[in-house]
Amino acid sequence: MMRSVAISLVILGATTWAAHAQLAQVLPASPVAATDISNYCVYENKVYSPGSLTCDVLVGPASAPLECQPADAVHKRAYWKIPEKTTVTCK
Protein backbone atom coordinates (compact mmCIF):
# COMPACT_ATOMS: atom_id res chain seq x y z
CA MET A 1 0.00 0.00 0.00
CA MET A 2 2.70 2.49 1.01
CA ARG A 3 4.72 1.53 -2.04
CA SER A 4 1.84 2.32 -4.42
CA VAL A 5 1.28 5.69 -2.70
CA ALA A 6 4.98 6.53 -3.04
CA ILE A 7 4.99 5.56 -6.72
CA SER A 8 1.85 7.66 -7.31
CA LEU A 9 3.48 10.69 -5.69
CA VAL A 10 6.61 10.30 -7.82
CA ILE A 11 4.54 10.06 -11.00
CA LEU A 12 2.39 13.03 -9.98
CA GLY A 13 5.48 15.12 -9.23
CA ALA A 14 7.06 14.22 -12.58
CA THR A 15 3.92 15.14 -14.54
CA THR A 16 3.55 18.43 -12.65
CA TRP A 17 7.15 19.34 -13.42
CA ALA A 18 6.63 18.45 -17.10
CA ALA A 19 3.52 20.65 -17.25
CA HIS A 20 5.46 23.61 -15.84
CA ALA A 21 8.27 23.03 -18.34
CA GLN A 22 5.78 23.00 -21.23
CA LEU A 23 4.07 26.17 -19.99
CA ALA A 24 7.40 27.99 -19.90
CA GLN A 25 7.96 27.04 -23.53
CA VAL A 26 4.49 28.20 -24.63
CA LEU A 27 4.57 31.68 -23.05
CA PRO A 28 6.93 33.99 -24.96
CA ALA A 29 9.11 36.52 -23.21
CA SER A 30 7.82 40.08 -23.09
CA PRO A 31 9.11 42.26 -25.96
CA VAL A 32 9.38 45.19 -23.53
CA ALA A 33 11.76 45.35 -20.58
CA ALA A 34 10.11 45.73 -17.18
CA THR A 35 11.81 49.10 -16.70
CA ASP A 36 10.32 50.43 -19.97
CA ILE A 37 6.73 49.16 -19.63
CA SER A 38 5.51 52.51 -18.30
CA ASN A 39 6.20 53.98 -21.76
CA TYR A 40 3.57 51.67 -23.30
CA CYS A 41 -0.17 51.09 -22.90
CA VAL A 42 -1.48 47.67 -21.92
CA TYR A 43 -4.88 46.34 -22.98
CA GLU A 44 -5.99 42.73 -22.49
CA ASN A 45 -2.40 41.68 -21.69
CA LYS A 46 -1.11 43.14 -24.97
CA VAL A 47 1.43 45.96 -25.17
CA TYR A 48 0.76 48.98 -27.41
CA SER A 49 3.07 51.88 -28.26
CA PRO A 50 1.91 55.52 -28.06
CA GLY A 51 -0.23 56.43 -31.06
CA SER A 52 -1.77 52.96 -31.34
CA LEU A 53 -5.54 52.64 -31.58
CA THR A 54 -7.72 49.89 -30.11
CA CYS A 55 -11.44 49.37 -29.76
CA ASP A 56 -13.08 48.60 -26.44
CA VAL A 57 -15.97 46.33 -27.33
CA LEU A 58 -17.67 47.05 -24.00
CA VAL A 59 -18.10 50.73 -24.92
CA GLY A 60 -20.05 49.99 -28.09
CA PRO A 61 -19.59 48.98 -31.71
CA ALA A 62 -19.85 52.50 -33.11
CA SER A 63 -17.73 54.19 -30.44
CA ALA A 64 -14.48 56.01 -31.04
CA PRO A 65 -11.31 53.94 -30.58
CA LEU A 66 -8.96 54.44 -27.66
CA GLU A 67 -5.56 55.95 -28.49
CA CYS A 68 -2.42 55.24 -26.48
CA GLN A 69 -0.99 58.53 -25.21
CA PRO A 70 2.59 58.96 -23.98
CA ALA A 71 3.29 59.84 -20.35
CA ASP A 72 3.11 63.56 -19.54
CA ALA A 73 3.21 65.90 -16.54
CA VAL A 74 -0.16 64.64 -15.29
CA HIS A 75 0.25 60.92 -16.10
CA LYS A 76 3.33 59.05 -14.90
CA ARG A 77 2.87 56.32 -17.49
CA ALA A 78 1.32 55.93 -20.94
CA TYR A 79 -2.49 55.91 -20.85
CA TRP A 80 -5.55 55.33 -23.02
CA LYS A 81 -7.67 58.26 -24.19
CA ILE A 82 -10.52 58.76 -26.64
CA PRO A 83 -9.03 61.08 -29.27
CA GLU A 84 -10.79 64.36 -29.92
CA LYS A 85 -12.33 65.05 -33.33
CA THR A 86 -11.82 61.59 -34.74
CA THR A 87 -13.77 60.26 -37.70
CA VAL A 88 -12.68 56.68 -37.05
CA THR A 89 -15.21 54.42 -35.33
CA CYS A 90 -14.96 50.88 -34.06
CA LYS A 91 -16.84 48.33 -36.16
PDB file of N, CA and C in Angstrom:
ATOM      1  N   MET A   1       0.823  -1.190   0.000  1.00  0.00           N
ATOM      2  CA  MET A   1       0.000   0.000   0.000  1.00  0.00           C
ATOM      3  C   MET A   1       0.872   1.261   0.000  1.00  0.00           C
ATOM      4  N   MET A   2       1.813   1.322   0.932  1.00  0.00           N
ATOM      5  CA  MET A   2       2.697   2.495   1.006  1.00  0.00           C
ATOM      6  C   MET A   2       3.531   2.642  -0.258  1.00  0.00           C
ATOM      7  N   ARG A   3       3.908   1.493  -0.827  1.00  0.00           N
ATOM      8  CA  ARG A   3       4.724   1.530  -2.044  1.00  0.00           C
ATOM      9  C   ARG A   3       3.928   2.138  -3.200  1.00  0.00           C
ATOM     10  N   SER A   4       2.657   1.782  -3.329  1.00  0.00           N
ATOM     11  CA  SER A   4       1.838   2.324  -4.418  1.00  0.00           C
ATOM     12  C   SER A   4       1.586   3.817  -4.225  1.00  0.00           C
ATOM     13  N   VAL A   5       1.451   4.260  -2.977  1.00  0.00           N
ATOM     14  CA  VAL A   5       1.283   5.690  -2.701  1.00  0.00           C
ATOM     15  C   VAL A   5       2.554   6.443  -3.070  1.00  0.00           C
ATOM     16  N   ALA A   6       3.698   5.893  -2.715  1.00  0.00           N
ATOM     17  CA  ALA A   6       4.976   6.535  -3.037  1.00  0.00           C
ATOM     18  C   ALA A   6       5.178   6.617  -4.546  1.00  0.00           C
ATOM     19  N   ILE A   7       4.853   5.558  -5.254  1.00  0.00           N
ATOM     20  CA  ILE A   7       4.993   5.558  -6.720  1.00  0.00           C
ATOM     21  C   ILE A   7       4.038   6.593  -7.328  1.00  0.00           C
ATOM     22  N   SER A   8       2.818   6.682  -6.811  1.00  0.00           N
ATOM     23  CA  SER A   8       1.851   7.664  -7.313  1.00  0.00           C
ATOM     24  C   SER A   8       2.352   9.088  -7.110  1.00  0.00           C
ATOM     25  N   LEU A   9       2.949   9.352  -5.961  1.00  0.00           N
ATOM     26  CA  LEU A   9       3.479  10.690  -5.692  1.00  0.00           C
ATOM     27  C   LEU A   9       4.642  11.027  -6.614  1.00  0.00           C
ATOM     28  N   VAL A  10       5.490  10.071  -6.905  1.00  0.00           N
ATOM     29  CA  VAL A  10       6.614  10.299  -7.820  1.00  0.00           C
ATOM     30  C   VAL A  10       6.092  10.599  -9.216  1.00  0.00           C
ATOM     31  N   ILE A  11       5.114   9.835  -9.665  1.00  0.00           N
ATOM     32  CA  ILE A  11       4.536  10.061 -11.004  1.00  0.00           C
ATOM     33  C   ILE A  11       3.835  11.410 -11.062  1.00  0.00           C
ATOM     34  N   LEU A  12       3.083  11.747 -10.031  1.00  0.00           N
ATOM     35  CA  LEU A  12       2.390  13.035  -9.976  1.00  0.00           C
ATOM     36  C   LEU A  12       3.387  14.186 -10.003  1.00  0.00           C
ATOM     37  N   GLY A  13       4.451  14.080  -9.239  1.00  0.00           N
ATOM     38  CA  GLY A  13       5.483  15.122  -9.227  1.00  0.00           C
ATOM     39  C   GLY A  13       6.146  15.275 -10.576  1.00  0.00           C
ATOM     40  N   ALA A  14       6.407  14.171 -11.264  1.00  0.00           N
ATOM     41  CA  ALA A  14       7.057  14.220 -12.578  1.00  0.00           C
ATOM     42  C   ALA A  14       6.135  14.874 -13.603  1.00  0.00           C
ATOM     43  N   THR A  15       4.843  14.546 -13.561  1.00  0.00           N
ATOM     44  CA  THR A  15       3.922  15.140 -14.541  1.00  0.00           C
ATOM     45  C   THR A  15       3.701  16.623 -14.261  1.00  0.00           C
ATOM     46  N   THR A  16       3.692  17.015 -12.996  1.00  0.00           N
ATOM     47  CA  THR A  16       3.545  18.432 -12.655  1.00  0.00           C
ATOM     48  C   THR A  16       4.745  19.216 -13.148  1.00  0.00           C
ATOM     49  N   TRP A  17       5.933  18.672 -12.953  1.00  0.00           N
ATOM     50  CA  TRP A  17       7.151  19.336 -13.425  1.00  0.00           C
ATOM     51  C   TRP A  17       7.128  19.461 -14.944  1.00  0.00           C
ATOM     52  N   ALA A  18       6.694  18.412 -15.636  1.00  0.00           N
ATOM     53  CA  ALA A  18       6.635  18.448 -17.100  1.00  0.00           C
ATOM     54  C   ALA A  18       5.638  19.504 -17.574  1.00  0.00           C
ATOM     55  N   ALA A  19       4.520  19.639 -16.876  1.00  0.00           N
ATOM     56  CA  ALA A  19       3.524  20.653 -17.251  1.00  0.00           C
ATOM     57  C   ALA A  19       4.094  22.058 -17.094  1.00  0.00           C
ATOM     58  N   HIS A  20       4.840  22.297 -16.022  1.00  0.00           N
ATOM     59  CA  HIS A  20       5.462  23.609 -15.836  1.00  0.00           C
ATOM     60  C   HIS A  20       6.503  23.875 -16.915  1.00  0.00           C
ATOM     61  N   ALA A  21       7.264  22.867 -17.294  1.00  0.00           N
ATOM     62  CA  ALA A  21       8.275  23.028 -18.337  1.00  0.00           C
ATOM     63  C   ALA A  21       7.612  23.359 -19.669  1.00  0.00           C
ATOM     64  N   GLN A  22       6.487  22.715 -19.979  1.00  0.00           N
ATOM     65  CA  GLN A  22       5.783  22.999 -21.225  1.00  0.00           C
ATOM     66  C   GLN A  22       5.192  24.398 -21.211  1.00  0.00           C
ATOM     67  N   LEU A  23       4.647  24.837 -20.089  1.00  0.00           N
ATOM     68  CA  LEU A  23       4.071  26.172 -19.986  1.00  0.00           C
ATOM     69  C   LEU A  23       5.132  27.232 -20.222  1.00  0.00           C
ATOM     70  N   ALA A  24       6.321  27.032 -19.704  1.00  0.00           N
ATOM     71  CA  ALA A  24       7.401  27.995 -19.903  1.00  0.00           C
ATOM     72  C   ALA A  24       7.783  28.090 -21.373  1.00  0.00           C
ATOM     73  N   GLN A  25       7.641  27.011 -22.105  1.00  0.00           N
ATOM     74  CA  GLN A  25       7.958  27.035 -23.529  1.00  0.00           C
ATOM     75  C   GLN A  25       6.859  27.713 -24.340  1.00  0.00           C
ATOM     76  N   VAL A  26       5.614  27.646 -23.886  1.00  0.00           N
ATOM     77  CA  VAL A  26       4.488  28.202 -24.626  1.00  0.00           C
ATOM     78  C   VAL A  26       4.434  29.719 -24.484  1.00  0.00           C
ATOM     79  N   LEU A  27       4.673  30.242 -23.282  1.00  0.00           N
ATOM     80  CA  LEU A  27       4.567  31.677 -23.047  1.00  0.00           C
ATOM     81  C   LEU A  27       5.834  32.388 -23.514  1.00  0.00           C
ATOM     82  N   PRO A  28       5.735  33.278 -24.497  1.00  0.00           N
ATOM     83  CA  PRO A  28       6.927  33.993 -24.956  1.00  0.00           C
ATOM     84  C   PRO A  28       7.360  35.070 -23.966  1.00  0.00           C
ATOM     85  N   ALA A  29       8.603  35.439 -24.051  1.00  0.00           N
ATOM     86  CA  ALA A  29       9.111  36.522 -23.209  1.00  0.00           C
ATOM     87  C   ALA A  29       8.503  37.845 -23.668  1.00  0.00           C
ATOM     88  N   SER A  30       8.373  38.777 -22.756  1.00  0.00           N
ATOM     89  CA  SER A  30       7.815  40.083 -23.086  1.00  0.00           C
ATOM     90  C   SER A  30       8.770  40.835 -24.011  1.00  0.00           C
ATOM     91  N   PRO A  31       8.245  41.496 -25.057  1.00  0.00           N
ATOM     92  CA  PRO A  31       9.110  42.261 -25.956  1.00  0.00           C
ATOM     93  C   PRO A  31       9.595  43.571 -25.335  1.00  0.00           C
ATOM     94  N   VAL A  32       9.035  43.929 -24.191  1.00  0.00           N
ATOM     95  CA  VAL A  32       9.379  45.193 -23.533  1.00  0.00           C
ATOM     96  C   VAL A  32      10.000  44.885 -22.177  1.00  0.00           C
ATOM     97  N   ALA A  33      11.106  45.538 -21.882  1.00  0.00           N
ATOM     98  CA  ALA A  33      11.756  45.348 -20.584  1.00  0.00           C
ATOM     99  C   ALA A  33      10.857  45.901 -19.471  1.00  0.00           C
ATOM    100  N   ALA A  34      10.944  45.311 -18.301  1.00  0.00           N
ATOM    101  CA  ALA A  34      10.106  45.731 -17.176  1.00  0.00           C
ATOM    102  C   ALA A  34      10.326  47.199 -16.823  1.00  0.00           C
ATOM    103  N   THR A  35      11.529  47.702 -17.025  1.00  0.00           N
ATOM    104  CA  THR A  35      11.807  49.102 -16.701  1.00  0.00           C
ATOM    105  C   THR A  35      11.198  50.059 -17.715  1.00  0.00           C
ATOM    106  N   ASP A  36      10.871  49.578 -18.907  1.00  0.00           N
ATOM    107  CA  ASP A  36      10.318  50.434 -19.965  1.00  0.00           C
ATOM    108  C   ASP A  36       8.809  50.314 -20.129  1.00  0.00           C
ATOM    109  N   ILE A  37       8.152  49.420 -19.402  1.00  0.00           N
ATOM    110  CA  ILE A  37       6.731  49.157 -19.628  1.00  0.00           C
ATOM    111  C   ILE A  37       5.867  50.390 -19.382  1.00  0.00           C
ATOM    112  N   SER A  38       6.315  51.322 -18.558  1.00  0.00           N
ATOM    113  CA  SER A  38       5.505  52.514 -18.296  1.00  0.00           C
ATOM    114  C   SER A  38       5.423  53.433 -19.515  1.00  0.00           C
ATOM    115  N   ASN A  39       6.245  53.194 -20.531  1.00  0.00           N
ATOM    116  CA  ASN A  39       6.200  53.977 -21.765  1.00  0.00           C
ATOM    117  C   ASN A  39       5.192  53.421 -22.761  1.00  0.00           C
ATOM    118  N   TYR A  40       4.502  52.342 -22.403  1.00  0.00           N
ATOM    119  CA  TYR A  40       3.567  51.667 -23.297  1.00  0.00           C
ATOM    120  C   TYR A  40       2.216  51.505 -22.612  1.00  0.00           C
ATOM    121  N   CYS A  41       1.160  51.382 -23.420  1.00  0.00           N
ATOM    122  CA  CYS A  41      -0.171  51.094 -22.903  1.00  0.00           C
ATOM    123  C   CYS A  41      -0.389  49.588 -22.930  1.00  0.00           C
ATOM    124  N   VAL A  42      -1.160  49.089 -21.978  1.00  0.00           N
ATOM    125  CA  VAL A  42      -1.480  47.666 -21.917  1.00  0.00           C
ATOM    126  C   VAL A  42      -2.990  47.519 -21.982  1.00  0.00           C
ATOM    127  N   TYR A  43      -3.452  46.631 -22.856  1.00  0.00           N
ATOM    128  CA  TYR A  43      -4.879  46.343 -22.984  1.00  0.00           C
ATOM    129  C   TYR A  43      -5.030  44.857 -23.240  1.00  0.00           C
ATOM    130  N   GLU A  44      -5.779  44.166 -22.388  1.00  0.00           N
ATOM    131  CA  GLU A  44      -5.994  42.729 -22.485  1.00  0.00           C
ATOM    132  C   GLU A  44      -4.669  41.975 -22.612  1.00  0.00           C
ATOM    133  N   ASN A  45      -3.721  42.316 -21.764  1.00  0.00           N
ATOM    134  CA  ASN A  45      -2.396  41.684 -21.692  1.00  0.00           C
ATOM    135  C   ASN A  45      -1.586  41.833 -22.976  1.00  0.00           C
ATOM    136  N   LYS A  46      -1.891  42.833 -23.762  1.00  0.00           N
ATOM    137  CA  LYS A  46      -1.113  43.141 -24.970  1.00  0.00           C
ATOM    138  C   LYS A  46      -0.512  44.518 -24.799  1.00  0.00           C
ATOM    139  N   VAL A  47       0.688  44.709 -25.326  1.00  0.00           N
ATOM    140  CA  VAL A  47       1.427  45.959 -25.167  1.00  0.00           C
ATOM    141  C   VAL A  47       1.285  46.783 -26.441  1.00  0.00           C
ATOM    142  N   TYR A  48       0.942  48.067 -26.281  1.00  0.00           N
ATOM    143  CA  TYR A  48       0.761  48.983 -27.410  1.00  0.00           C
ATOM    144  C   TYR A  48       1.660  50.200 -27.235  1.00  0.00           C
ATOM    145  N   SER A  49       2.232  50.678 -28.319  1.00  0.00           N
ATOM    146  CA  SER A  49       3.068  51.878 -28.263  1.00  0.00           C
ATOM    147  C   SER A  49       2.197  53.122 -28.400  1.00  0.00           C
ATOM    148  N   PRO A  50       2.680  54.279 -27.927  1.00  0.00           N
ATOM    149  CA  PRO A  50       1.911  55.520 -28.059  1.00  0.00           C
ATOM    150  C   PRO A  50       1.533  55.781 -29.518  1.00  0.00           C
ATOM    151  N   GLY A  51       0.288  56.199 -29.722  1.00  0.00           N
ATOM    152  CA  GLY A  51      -0.228  56.434 -31.063  1.00  0.00           C
ATOM    153  C   GLY A  51      -1.075  55.274 -31.571  1.00  0.00           C
ATOM    154  N   SER A  52      -0.985  54.124 -30.922  1.00  0.00           N
ATOM    155  CA  SER A  52      -1.767  52.958 -31.335  1.00  0.00           C
ATOM    156  C   SER A  52      -3.231  53.151 -30.984  1.00  0.00           C
ATOM    157  N   LEU A  53      -4.100  52.592 -31.802  1.00  0.00           N
ATOM    158  CA  LEU A  53      -5.541  52.642 -31.576  1.00  0.00           C
ATOM    159  C   LEU A  53      -6.055  51.249 -31.262  1.00  0.00           C
ATOM    160  N   THR A  54      -7.040  51.160 -30.386  1.00  0.00           N
ATOM    161  CA  THR A  54      -7.715  49.892 -30.114  1.00  0.00           C
ATOM    162  C   THR A  54      -9.166  50.190 -29.798  1.00  0.00           C
ATOM    163  N   CYS A  55     -10.015  49.216 -30.024  1.00  0.00           N
ATOM    164  CA  CYS A  55     -11.437  49.373 -29.759  1.00  0.00           C
ATOM    165  C   CYS A  55     -11.814  48.608 -28.507  1.00  0.00           C
ATOM    166  N   ASP A  56     -12.565  49.241 -27.628  1.00  0.00           N
ATOM    167  CA  ASP A  56     -13.083  48.602 -26.436  1.00  0.00           C
ATOM    168  C   ASP A  56     -14.494  48.142 -26.750  1.00  0.00           C
ATOM    169  N   VAL A  57     -14.674  46.843 -26.913  1.00  0.00           N
ATOM    170  CA  VAL A  57     -15.972  46.329 -27.333  1.00  0.00           C
ATOM    171  C   VAL A  57     -17.044  46.551 -26.281  1.00  0.00           C
ATOM    172  N   LEU A  58     -16.670  46.802 -25.045  1.00  0.00           N
ATOM    173  CA  LEU A  58     -17.672  47.051 -24.002  1.00  0.00           C
ATOM    174  C   LEU A  58     -18.292  48.438 -24.131  1.00  0.00           C
ATOM    175  N   VAL A  59     -17.580  49.373 -24.756  1.00  0.00           N
ATOM    176  CA  VAL A  59     -18.096  50.733 -24.922  1.00  0.00           C
ATOM    177  C   VAL A  59     -19.216  50.742 -25.962  1.00  0.00           C
ATOM    178  N   GLY A  60     -19.038  50.047 -27.050  1.00  0.00           N
ATOM    179  CA  GLY A  60     -20.054  49.987 -28.095  1.00  0.00           C
ATOM    180  C   GLY A  60     -19.433  49.825 -29.462  1.00  0.00           C
ATOM    181  N   PRO A  61     -20.155  49.234 -30.385  1.00  0.00           N
ATOM    182  CA  PRO A  61     -19.589  48.975 -31.707  1.00  0.00           C
ATOM    183  C   PRO A  61     -19.336  50.217 -32.546  1.00  0.00           C
ATOM    184  N   ALA A  62     -20.048  51.297 -32.308  1.00  0.00           N
ATOM    185  CA  ALA A  62     -19.852  52.504 -33.110  1.00  0.00           C
ATOM    186  C   ALA A  62     -19.130  53.587 -32.316  1.00  0.00           C
ATOM    187  N   SER A  63     -18.436  53.206 -31.266  1.00  0.00           N
ATOM    188  CA  SER A  63     -17.734  54.189 -30.441  1.00  0.00           C
ATOM    189  C   SER A  63     -16.389  54.549 -31.068  1.00  0.00           C
ATOM    190  N   ALA A  64     -15.804  55.611 -30.575  1.00  0.00           N
ATOM    191  CA  ALA A  64     -14.475  56.012 -31.038  1.00  0.00           C
ATOM    192  C   ALA A  64     -13.435  55.070 -30.434  1.00  0.00           C
ATOM    193  N   PRO A  65     -12.346  54.810 -31.135  1.00  0.00           N
ATOM    194  CA  PRO A  65     -11.310  53.943 -30.580  1.00  0.00           C
ATOM    195  C   PRO A  65     -10.531  54.659 -29.472  1.00  0.00           C
ATOM    196  N   LEU A  66      -9.846  53.889 -28.670  1.00  0.00           N
ATOM    197  CA  LEU A  66      -8.960  54.443 -27.658  1.00  0.00           C
ATOM    198  C   LEU A  66      -7.576  54.593 -28.270  1.00  0.00           C
ATOM    199  N   GLU A  67      -6.913  55.707 -27.962  1.00  0.00           N
ATOM    200  CA  GLU A  67      -5.564  55.953 -28.487  1.00  0.00           C
ATOM    201  C   GLU A  67      -4.575  55.960 -27.326  1.00  0.00           C
ATOM    202  N   CYS A  68      -3.460  55.274 -27.501  1.00  0.00           N
ATOM    203  CA  CYS A  68      -2.418  55.240 -26.482  1.00  0.00           C
ATOM    204  C   CYS A  68      -1.664  56.567 -26.497  1.00  0.00           C
ATOM    205  N   GLN A  69      -1.662  57.240 -25.348  1.00  0.00           N
ATOM    206  CA  GLN A  69      -0.991  58.534 -25.210  1.00  0.00           C
ATOM    207  C   GLN A  69       0.303  58.349 -24.416  1.00  0.00           C
ATOM    208  N   PRO A  70       1.351  59.070 -24.769  1.00  0.00           N
ATOM    209  CA  PRO A  70       2.590  58.959 -23.984  1.00  0.00           C
ATOM    210  C   PRO A  70       2.441  59.616 -22.614  1.00  0.00           C
ATOM    211  N   ALA A  71       3.302  59.242 -21.701  1.00  0.00           N
ATOM    212  CA  ALA A  71       3.289  59.843 -20.355  1.00  0.00           C
ATOM    213  C   ALA A  71       3.518  61.348 -20.481  1.00  0.00           C
ATOM    214  N   ASP A  72       2.934  62.103 -19.553  1.00  0.00           N
ATOM    215  CA  ASP A  72       3.106  63.558 -19.539  1.00  0.00           C
ATOM    216  C   ASP A  72       3.205  64.040 -18.092  1.00  0.00           C
ATOM    217  N   ALA A  73       3.064  65.340 -17.881  1.00  0.00           N
ATOM    218  CA  ALA A  73       3.207  65.903 -16.540  1.00  0.00           C
ATOM    219  C   ALA A  73       2.120  65.406 -15.586  1.00  0.00           C
ATOM    220  N   VAL A  74       0.948  65.094 -16.117  1.00  0.00           N
ATOM    221  CA  VAL A  74      -0.163  64.640 -15.287  1.00  0.00           C
ATOM    222  C   VAL A  74      -0.133  63.117 -15.086  1.00  0.00           C
ATOM    223  N   HIS A  75       0.245  62.386 -16.126  1.00  0.00           N
ATOM    224  CA  HIS A  75       0.252  60.920 -16.105  1.00  0.00           C
ATOM    225  C   HIS A  75       1.695  60.415 -16.032  1.00  0.00           C
ATOM    226  N   LYS A  76       1.971  59.568 -15.067  1.00  0.00           N
ATOM    227  CA  LYS A  76       3.330  59.048 -14.895  1.00  0.00           C
ATOM    228  C   LYS A  76       3.670  57.936 -15.878  1.00  0.00           C
ATOM    229  N   ARG A  77       2.663  57.386 -16.511  1.00  0.00           N
ATOM    230  CA  ARG A  77       2.872  56.322 -17.487  1.00  0.00           C
ATOM    231  C   ARG A  77       1.954  56.548 -18.681  1.00  0.00           C
ATOM    232  N   ALA A  78       2.182  55.815 -19.763  1.00  0.00           N
ATOM    233  CA  ALA A  78       1.323  55.928 -20.937  1.00  0.00           C
ATOM    234  C   ALA A  78      -0.112  55.543 -20.542  1.00  0.00           C
ATOM    235  N   TYR A  79      -1.095  56.130 -21.221  1.00  0.00           N
ATOM    236  CA  TYR A  79      -2.494  55.906 -20.848  1.00  0.00           C
ATOM    237  C   TYR A  79      -3.382  55.921 -22.085  1.00  0.00           C
ATOM    238  N   TRP A  80      -4.575  55.357 -21.934  1.00  0.00           N
ATOM    239  CA  TRP A  80      -5.551  55.329 -23.016  1.00  0.00           C
ATOM    240  C   TRP A  80      -6.460  56.550 -22.937  1.00  0.00           C
ATOM    241  N   LYS A  81      -6.790  57.099 -24.115  1.00  0.00           N
ATOM    242  CA  LYS A  81      -7.669  58.265 -24.189  1.00  0.00           C
ATOM    243  C   LYS A  81      -8.478  58.183 -25.474  1.00  0.00           C
ATOM    244  N   ILE A  82      -9.722  58.654 -25.417  1.00  0.00           N
ATOM    245  CA  ILE A  82     -10.519  58.756 -26.643  1.00  0.00           C
ATOM    246  C   ILE A  82     -10.058  60.019 -27.356  1.00  0.00           C
ATOM    247  N   PRO A  83      -9.534  59.893 -28.577  1.00  0.00           N
ATOM    248  CA  PRO A  83      -9.027  61.078 -29.274  1.00  0.00           C
ATOM    249  C   PRO A  83     -10.153  62.056 -29.618  1.00  0.00           C
ATOM    250  N   GLU A  84      -9.816  63.326 -29.579  1.00  0.00           N
ATOM    251  CA  GLU A  84     -10.792  64.357 -29.921  1.00  0.00           C
ATOM    252  C   GLU A  84     -10.886  64.500 -31.437  1.00  0.00           C
ATOM    253  N   LYS A  85     -12.073  64.804 -31.912  1.00  0.00           N
ATOM    254  CA  LYS A  85     -12.329  65.051 -33.326  1.00  0.00           C
ATOM    255  C   LYS A  85     -11.841  63.930 -34.227  1.00  0.00           C
ATOM    256  N   THR A  86     -12.197  62.706 -33.890  1.00  0.00           N
ATOM    257  CA  THR A  86     -11.815  61.593 -34.740  1.00  0.00           C
ATOM    258  C   THR A  86     -12.998  61.150 -35.601  1.00  0.00           C
ATOM    259  N   THR A  87     -12.725  60.754 -36.815  1.00  0.00           N
ATOM    260  CA  THR A  87     -13.772  60.257 -37.697  1.00  0.00           C
ATOM    261  C   THR A  87     -13.760  58.738 -37.722  1.00  0.00           C
ATOM    262  N   VAL A  88     -12.788  58.129 -37.078  1.00  0.00           N
ATOM    263  CA  VAL A  88     -12.678  56.683 -37.053  1.00  0.00           C
ATOM    264  C   VAL A  88     -13.619  56.131 -35.984  1.00  0.00           C
ATOM    265  N   THR A  89     -14.361  55.082 -36.316  1.00  0.00           N
ATOM    266  CA  THR A  89     -15.214  54.422 -35.328  1.00  0.00           C
ATOM    267  C   THR A  89     -14.865  52.937 -35.304  1.00  0.00           C
ATOM    268  N   CYS A  90     -15.182  52.306 -34.197  1.00  0.00           N
ATOM    269  CA  CYS A  90     -14.963  50.876 -34.058  1.00  0.00           C
ATOM    270  C   CYS A  90     -16.124  50.135 -34.730  1.00  0.00           C
ATOM    271  N   LYS A  91     -15.801  49.127 -35.472  1.00  0.00           N
ATOM    272  CA  LYS A  91     -16.844  48.333 -36.163  1.00  0.00           C
ATOM    273  C   LYS A  91     -16.550  46.886 -36.023  1.00  0.00           C
TER     274      LYS A  91
END
